[in-house]
Amino acid sequence: MGLRGIKLEMNQDRCKGCELCTEACPREVLAMGNQINALGYRAAVAIAPERCTGCRACALVCPEVVFTIYKIA
């Protein structure tokens, strides 16, 4: 869980490895992983989800709608 009760979920099997999310994230929460997903791409992974502030920069730039961000009370 991220800062202030933020939960970041990713559907890695939708990721096409464009790296837009890793560039957009201001807190360096994301990086490209080494595992190959169902589509045959290296998918982005959350390497530091505890730093996520819920800014949604990753979700806004992702053409494959990989990210879901929840605010948990």
PDB file of N, CA and C in Angstrom:
ATOM      1  N   MET A   1       0.841  -1.176   0.000  1.00  0.00           N
ATOM      2  CA  MET A   1       0.000   0.000   0.000  1.00  0.00           C
ATOM      3  C   MET A   1       0.883   1.235   0.000  1.00  0.00           C
ATOM      4  N   GLY A   2       0.472   2.237  -0.735  1.00  0.00           N
ATOM      5  CA  GLY A   2       1.245   3.459  -0.875  1.00  0.00           C
ATOM      6  C   GLY A   2       0.986   4.450   0.243  1.00  0.00           C
ATOM      7  N   LEU A   3       1.493   5.645   0.046  1.00  0.00           N
ATOM      8  CA  LEU A   3       1.298   6.723   1.002  1.00  0.00           C
ATOM      9  C   LEU A   3      -0.175   7.069   1.129  1.00  0.00           C
ATOM     10  N   ARG A   4      -0.597   7.470   2.301  1.00  0.00           N
ATOM     11  CA  ARG A   4      -1.966   7.932   2.547  1.00  0.00           C
ATOM     12  C   ARG A   4      -3.029   6.951   2.062  1.00  0.00           C
ATOM     13  N   GLY A   5      -2.800   5.670   2.211  1.00  0.00           N
ATOM     14  CA  GLY A   5      -3.814   4.686   1.867  1.00  0.00           C
ATOM     15  C   GLY A   5      -4.081   4.541   0.382  1.00  0.00           C
ATOM     16  N   ILE A   6      -3.043   4.555  -0.426  1.00  0.00           N
ATOM     17  CA  ILE A   6      -3.173   4.397  -1.868  1.00  0.00           C
ATOM     18  C   ILE A   6      -2.794   2.968  -2.238  1.00  0.00           C
ATOM     19  N   LYS A   7      -3.614   2.338  -3.067  1.00  0.00           N
ATOM     20  CA  LYS A   7      -3.319   0.984  -3.538  1.00  0.00           C
ATOM     21  C   LYS A   7      -3.195   1.025  -5.056  1.00  0.00           C
ATOM     22  N   LEU A   8      -2.063   0.568  -5.565  1.00  0.00           N
ATOM     23  CA  LEU A   8      -1.788   0.522  -6.997  1.00  0.00           C
ATOM     24  C   LEU A   8      -1.909  -0.916  -7.467  1.00  0.00           C
ATOM     25  N   GLU A   9      -2.765  -1.138  -8.454  1.00  0.00           N
ATOM     26  CA  GLU A   9      -2.891  -2.464  -9.049  1.00  0.00           C
ATOM     27  C   GLU A   9      -2.527  -2.366 -10.523  1.00  0.00           C
ATOM     28  N   MET A  10      -1.895  -3.431 -11.024  1.00  0.00           N
ATOM     29  CA  MET A  10      -1.480  -3.464 -12.422  1.00  0.00           C
ATOM     30  C   MET A  10      -1.913  -4.776 -13.060  1.00  0.00           C
ATOM     31  N   ASN A  11      -2.409  -4.699 -14.270  1.00  0.00           N
ATOM     32  CA  ASN A  11      -2.699  -5.890 -15.050  1.00  0.00           C
ATOM     33  C   ASN A  11      -1.521  -6.070 -16.006  1.00  0.00           C
ATOM     34  N   GLN A  12      -0.500  -6.763 -15.536  1.00  0.00           N
ATOM     35  CA  GLN A  12       0.738  -6.877 -16.291  1.00  0.00           C
ATOM     36  C   GLN A  12       0.570  -7.621 -17.612  1.00  0.00           C
ATOM     37  N   ASP A  13      -0.456  -8.437 -17.737  1.00  0.00           N
ATOM     38  CA  ASP A  13      -0.666  -9.148 -18.994  1.00  0.00           C
ATOM     39  C   ASP A  13      -1.179  -8.239 -20.113  1.00  0.00           C
ATOM     40  N   ARG A  14      -1.583  -7.020 -19.781  1.00  0.00           N
ATOM     41  CA  ARG A  14      -1.989  -6.043 -20.803  1.00  0.00           C
ATOM     42  C   ARG A  14      -0.822  -5.169 -21.254  1.00  0.00           C
ATOM     43  N   CYS A  15       0.241  -5.115 -20.477  1.00  0.00           N
ATOM     44  CA  CYS A  15       1.371  -4.214 -20.728  1.00  0.00           C
ATOM     45  C   CYS A  15       2.107  -4.605 -22.011  1.00  0.00           C
ATOM     46  N   LYS A  16       2.413  -3.583 -22.832  1.00  0.00           N
ATOM     47  CA  LYS A  16       3.175  -3.807 -24.058  1.00  0.00           C
ATOM     48  C   LYS A  16       4.596  -3.242 -23.971  1.00  0.00           C
ATOM     49  N   GLY A  17       5.024  -2.913 -22.759  1.00  0.00           N
ATOM     50  CA  GLY A  17       6.411  -2.514 -22.530  1.00  0.00           C
ATOM     51  C   GLY A  17       6.828  -1.191 -23.131  1.00  0.00           C
ATOM     52  N   CYS A  18       5.924  -0.257 -23.286  1.00  0.00           N
ATOM     53  CA  CYS A  18       6.259   1.028 -23.918  1.00  0.00           C
ATOM     54  C   CYS A  18       7.113   1.933 -23.029  1.00  0.00           C
ATOM     55  N   GLU A  19       7.109   1.692 -21.731  1.00  0.00           N
ATOM     56  CA  GLU A  19       7.883   2.440 -20.734  1.00  0.00           C
ATOM     57  C   GLU A  19       7.366   3.857 -20.477  1.00  0.00           C
ATOM     58  N   LEU A  20       6.222   4.222 -21.021  1.00  0.00           N
ATOM     59  CA  LEU A  20       5.677   5.557 -20.765  1.00  0.00           C
ATOM     60  C   LEU A  20       5.410   5.769 -19.283  1.00  0.00           C
ATOM     61  N   CYS A  21       4.903   4.745 -18.617  1.00  0.00           N
ATOM     62  CA  CYS A  21       4.577   4.865 -17.194  1.00  0.00           C
ATOM     63  C   CYS A  21       5.821   5.071 -16.336  1.00  0.00           C
ATOM     64  N   THR A  22       6.892   4.371 -16.665  1.00  0.00           N
ATOM     65  CA  THR A  22       8.115   4.503 -15.867  1.00  0.00           C
ATOM     66  C   THR A  22       8.700   5.902 -15.997  1.00  0.00           C
ATOM     67  N   GLU A  23       8.543   6.505 -17.170  1.00  0.00           N
ATOM     68  CA  GLU A  23       9.020   7.875 -17.379  1.00  0.00           C
ATOM     69  C   GLU A  23       8.110   8.898 -16.707  1.00  0.00           C
ATOM     70  N   ALA A  24       6.814   8.618 -16.668  1.00  0.00           N
ATOM     71  CA  ALA A  24       5.843   9.574 -16.127  1.00  0.00           C
ATOM     72  C   ALA A  24       5.802   9.606 -14.608  1.00  0.00           C
ATOM     73  N   CYS A  25       6.152   8.520 -13.954  1.00  0.00           N
ATOM     74  CA  CYS A  25       6.027   8.431 -12.499  1.00  0.00           C
ATOM     75  C   CYS A  25       7.032   9.345 -11.796  1.00  0.00           C
ATOM     76  N   PRO A  26       6.544  10.349 -11.065  1.00  0.00           N
ATOM     77  CA  PRO A  26       7.454  11.280 -10.390  1.00  0.00           C
ATOM     78  C   PRO A  26       8.136  10.696  -9.150  1.00  0.00           C
ATOM     79  N   ARG A  27       7.617   9.600  -8.630  1.00  0.00           N
ATOM     80  CA  ARG A  27       8.160   9.006  -7.400  1.00  0.00           C
ATOM     81  C   ARG A  27       9.003   7.752  -7.661  1.00  0.00           C
ATOM     82  N   GLU A  28       9.231   7.425  -8.934  1.00  0.00           N
ATOM     83  CA  GLU A  28      10.017   6.252  -9.316  1.00  0.00           C
ATOM     84  C   GLU A  28       9.484   4.975  -8.678  1.00  0.00           C
ATOM     85  N   VAL A  29       8.176   4.834  -8.746  1.00  0.00           N
ATOM     86  CA  VAL A  29       7.492   3.654  -8.221  1.00  0.00           C
ATOM     87  C   VAL A  29       7.622   2.481  -9.193  1.00  0.00           C
ATOM     88  N   LEU A  30       7.724   2.790 -10.478  1.00  0.00           N
ATOM     89  CA  LEU A  30       7.680   1.766 -11.521  1.00  0.00           C
ATOM     90  C   LEU A  30       9.030   1.585 -12.221  1.00  0.00           C
ATOM     91  N   ALA A  31       9.235   0.374 -12.721  1.00  0.00           N
ATOM     92  CA  ALA A  31      10.409   0.049 -13.538  1.00  0.00           C
ATOM     93  C   ALA A  31      10.009  -1.077 -14.473  1.00  0.00           C
ATOM     94  N   MET A  32      10.815  -1.312 -15.460  1.00  0.00           N
ATOM     95  CA  MET A  32      10.550  -2.424 -16.363  1.00  0.00           C
ATOM     96  C   MET A  32      11.069  -3.706 -15.726  1.00  0.00           C
ATOM     97  N   GLY A  33      10.209  -4.725 -15.704  1.00  0.00           N
ATOM     98  CA  GLY A  33      10.580  -5.997 -15.112  1.00  0.00           C
ATOM     99  C   GLY A  33      11.329  -6.872 -16.112  1.00  0.00           C
ATOM    100  N   ASN A  34      11.761  -8.017 -15.647  1.00  0.00           N
ATOM    101  CA  ASN A  34      12.482  -8.962 -16.494  1.00  0.00           C
ATOM    102  C   ASN A  34      11.602 -10.089 -17.008  1.00  0.00           C
ATOM    103  N   GLN A  35      10.420 -10.245 -16.423  1.00  0.00           N
ATOM    104  CA  GLN A  35       9.521 -11.321 -16.823  1.00  0.00           C
ATOM    105  C   GLN A  35       8.788 -10.952 -18.117  1.00  0.00           C
ATOM    106  N   ILE A  36       8.561 -11.955 -18.932  1.00  0.00           N
ATOM    107  CA  ILE A  36       7.797 -11.782 -20.162  1.00  0.00           C
ATOM    108  C   ILE A  36       6.330 -12.090 -19.869  1.00  0.00           C
ATOM    109  N   ASN A  37       5.430 -11.188 -20.276  1.00  0.00           N
ATOM    110  CA  ASN A  37       4.012 -11.391 -19.988  1.00  0.00           C
ATOM    111  C   ASN A  37       3.337 -12.227 -21.077  1.00  0.00           C
ATOM    112  N   ALA A  38       2.026 -12.360 -20.980  1.00  0.00           N
ATOM    113  CA  ALA A  38       1.253 -13.196 -21.907  1.00  0.00           C
ATOM    114  C   ALA A  38       1.321 -12.699 -23.348  1.00  0.00           C
ATOM    115  N   LEU A  39       1.601 -11.409 -23.536  1.00  0.00           N
ATOM    116  CA  LEU A  39       1.692 -10.848 -24.878  1.00  0.00           C
ATOM    117  C   LEU A  39       3.102 -10.937 -25.461  1.00  0.00           C
ATOM    118  N   GLY A  40       4.055 -11.374 -24.625  1.00  0.00           N
ATOM    119  CA  GLY A  40       5.431 -11.504 -25.084  1.00  0.00           C
ATOM    120  C   GLY A  40       6.298 -10.280 -24.851  1.00  0.00           C
ATOM    121  N   TYR A  41       5.859  -9.382 -23.980  1.00  0.00           N
ATOM    122  CA  TYR A  41       6.596  -8.155 -23.678  1.00  0.00           C
ATOM    123  C   TYR A  41       7.141  -8.191 -22.251  1.00  0.00           C
ATOM    124  N   ARG A  42       8.204  -7.419 -22.018  1.00  0.00           N
ATOM    125  CA  ARG A  42       8.661  -7.157 -20.648  1.00  0.00           C
ATOM    126  C   ARG A  42       7.705  -6.130 -20.061  1.00  0.00           C
ATOM    127  N   ALA A  43       7.017  -6.497 -19.024  1.00  0.00           N
ATOM    128  CA  ALA A  43       6.003  -5.625 -18.426  1.00  0.00           C
ATOM    129  C   ALA A  43       6.595  -4.740 -17.332  1.00  0.00           C
ATOM    130  N   ALA A  44       5.957  -3.608 -17.135  1.00  0.00           N
ATOM    131  CA  ALA A  44       6.312  -2.726 -16.028  1.00  0.00           C
ATOM    132  C   ALA A  44       5.918  -3.388 -14.710  1.00  0.00           C
ATOM    133  N   VAL A  45       6.681  -3.103 -13.664  1.00  0.00           N
ATOM    134  CA  VAL A  45       6.394  -3.624 -12.327  1.00  0.00           C
ATOM    135  C   VAL A  45       6.514  -2.488 -11.315  1.00  0.00           C
ATOM    136  N   ALA A  46       5.803  -2.624 -10.221  1.00  0.00           N
ATOM    137  CA  ALA A  46       5.893  -1.655  -9.127  1.00  0.00           C
ATOM    138  C   ALA A  46       7.034  -2.080  -8.222  1.00  0.00           C
ATOM    139  N   ILE A  47       8.145  -1.352  -8.281  1.00  0.00           N
ATOM    140  CA  ILE A  47       9.306  -1.702  -7.460  1.00  0.00           C
ATOM    141  C   ILE A  47       9.260  -1.040  -6.088  1.00  0.00           C
ATOM    142  N   ALA A  48       8.444   0.001  -5.950  1.00  0.00           N
ATOM    143  CA  ALA A  48       8.320   0.704  -4.669  1.00  0.00           C
ATOM    144  C   ALA A  48       6.888   1.208  -4.487  1.00  0.00           C
ATOM    145  N   PRO A  49       5.901   0.301  -4.392  1.00  0.00           N
ATOM    146  CA  PRO A  49       4.504   0.741  -4.298  1.00  0.00           C
ATOM    147  C   PRO A  49       4.219   1.599  -3.068  1.00  0.00           C
ATOM    148  N   GLU A  50       5.026   1.471  -2.050  1.00  0.00           N
ATOM    149  CA  GLU A  50       4.827   2.279  -0.839  1.00  0.00           C
ATOM    150  C   GLU A  50       5.059   3.768  -1.097  1.00  0.00           C
ATOM    151  N   ARG A  51       5.743   4.116  -2.183  1.00  0.00           N
ATOM    152  CA  ARG A  51       5.990   5.522  -2.527  1.00  0.00           C
ATOM    153  C   ARG A  51       4.879   6.120  -3.380  1.00  0.00           C
ATOM    154  N   CYS A  52       3.919   5.323  -3.805  1.00  0.00           N
ATOM    155  CA  CYS A  52       2.844   5.802  -4.676  1.00  0.00           C
ATOM    156  C   CYS A  52       1.962   6.799  -3.925  1.00  0.00           C
ATOM    157  N   THR A  53       1.746   7.958  -4.547  1.00  0.00           N
ATOM    158  CA  THR A  53       0.893   8.990  -3.955  1.00  0.00           C
ATOM    159  C   THR A  53      -0.492   9.026  -4.597  1.00  0.00           C
ATOM    160  N   GLY A  54      -0.708   8.192  -5.603  1.00  0.00           N
ATOM    161  CA  GLY A  54      -2.003   8.180  -6.282  1.00  0.00           C
ATOM    162  C   GLY A  54      -2.163   9.307  -7.277  1.00  0.00           C
ATOM    163  N   CYS A  55      -1.073   9.854  -7.782  1.00  0.00           N
ATOM    164  CA  CYS A  55      -1.159  10.978  -8.722  1.00  0.00           C
ATOM    165  C   CYS A  55      -1.751  10.570 -10.072  1.00  0.00           C
ATOM    166  N   ARG A  56      -1.729   9.304 -10.378  1.00  0.00           N
ATOM    167  CA  ARG A  56      -2.305   8.722 -11.592  1.00  0.00           C
ATOM    168  C   ARG A  56      -1.558   9.076 -12.874  1.00  0.00           C
ATOM    169  N   ALA A  57      -0.338   9.578 -12.762  1.00  0.00           N
ATOM    170  CA  ALA A  57       0.446   9.894 -13.958  1.00  0.00           C
ATOM    171  C   ALA A  57       0.641   8.651 -14.819  1.00  0.00           C
ATOM    172  N   CYS A  58       0.873   7.518 -14.191  1.00  0.00           N
ATOM    173  CA  CYS A  58       1.064   6.263 -14.923  1.00  0.00           C
ATOM    174  C   CYS A  58      -0.189   5.898 -15.704  1.00  0.00           C
ATOM    175  N   ALA A  59      -1.336   6.012 -15.057  1.00  0.00           N
ATOM    176  CA  ALA A  59      -2.606   5.655 -15.686  1.00  0.00           C
ATOM    177  C   ALA A  59      -2.962   6.603 -16.829  1.00  0.00           C
ATOM    178  N   LEU A  60      -2.607   7.861 -16.689  1.00  0.00           N
ATOM    179  CA  LEU A  60      -2.938   8.842 -17.718  1.00  0.00           C
ATOM    180  C   LEU A  60      -2.153   8.622 -19.007  1.00  0.00           C
ATOM    181  N   VAL A  61      -0.923   8.129 -18.918  1.00  0.00           N
ATOM    182  CA  VAL A  61      -0.105   7.935 -20.119  1.00  0.00           C
ATOM    183  C   VAL A  61      -0.187   6.528 -20.686  1.00  0.00           C
ATOM    184  N   CYS A  62      -0.747   5.592 -19.949  1.00  0.00           N
ATOM    185  CA  CYS A  62      -0.757   4.188 -20.371  1.00  0.00           C
ATOM    186  C   CYS A  62      -1.804   3.937 -21.464  1.00  0.00           C
ATOM    187  N   PRO A  63      -1.356   3.584 -22.677  1.00  0.00           N
ATOM    188  CA  PRO A  63      -2.321   3.334 -23.748  1.00  0.00           C
ATOM    189  C   PRO A  63      -3.068   2.005 -23.600  1.00  0.00           C
ATOM    190  N   GLU A  64      -2.589   1.127 -22.738  1.00  0.00           N
ATOM    191  CA  GLU A  64      -3.194  -0.195 -22.580  1.00  0.00           C
ATOM    192  C   GLU A  64      -4.060  -0.330 -21.330  1.00  0.00           C
ATOM    193  N   VAL A  65      -4.255   0.752 -20.580  1.00  0.00           N
ATOM    194  CA  VAL A  65      -5.085   0.795 -19.370  1.00  0.00           C
ATOM    195  C   VAL A  65      -4.663  -0.320 -18.403  1.00  0.00           C
ATOM    196  N   VAL A  66      -3.399  -0.324 -18.066  1.00  0.00           N
ATOM    197  CA  VAL A  66      -2.813  -1.336 -17.188  1.00  0.00           C
ATOM    198  C   VAL A  66      -3.081  -1.032 -15.712  1.00  0.00           C
ATOM    199  N   PHE A  67      -3.233   0.240 -15.362  1.00  0.00           N
ATOM    200  CA  PHE A  67      -3.236   0.662 -13.965  1.00  0.00           C
ATOM    201  C   PHE A  67      -4.629   0.935 -13.415  1.00  0.00           C
ATOM    202  N   THR A  68      -4.824   0.526 -12.158  1.00  0.00           N
ATOM    203  CA  THR A  68      -5.993   0.890 -11.373  1.00  0.00           C
ATOM    204  C   THR A  68      -5.457   1.385 -10.039  1.00  0.00           C
ATOM    205  N   ILE A  69      -5.904   2.550  -9.613  1.00  0.00           N
ATOM    206  CA  ILE A  69      -5.406   3.153  -8.378  1.00  0.00           C
ATOM    207  C   ILE A  69      -6.599   3.403  -7.470  1.00  0.00           C
ATOM    208  N   TYR A  70      -6.489   2.882  -6.249  1.00  0.00           N
ATOM    209  CA  TYR A  70      -7.560   3.022  -5.262  1.00  0.00           C
ATOM    210  C   TYR A  70      -7.098   3.870  -4.099  1.00  0.00           C
ATOM    211  N   LYS A  71      -8.010   4.642  -3.557  1.00  0.00           N
ATOM    212  CA  LYS A  71      -7.776   5.332  -2.300  1.00  0.00           C
ATOM    213  C   LYS A  71      -8.488   4.547  -1.224  1.00  0.00           C
ATOM    214  N   ILE A  72      -7.740   4.079  -0.238  1.00  0.00           N
ATOM    215  CA  ILE A  72      -8.294   3.236   0.820  1.00  0.00           C
ATOM    216  C   ILE A  72      -8.410   4.068   2.093  1.00  0.00           C
ATOM    217  N   ALA A  73      -9.574   4.081   2.674  1.00  0.00           N
ATOM    218  CA  ALA A  73      -9.830   4.858   3.886  1.00  0.00           C
ATOM    219  C   ALA A  73      -9.181   4.216   5.095  1.00  0.00           C
TER     220      ALA A  73
END
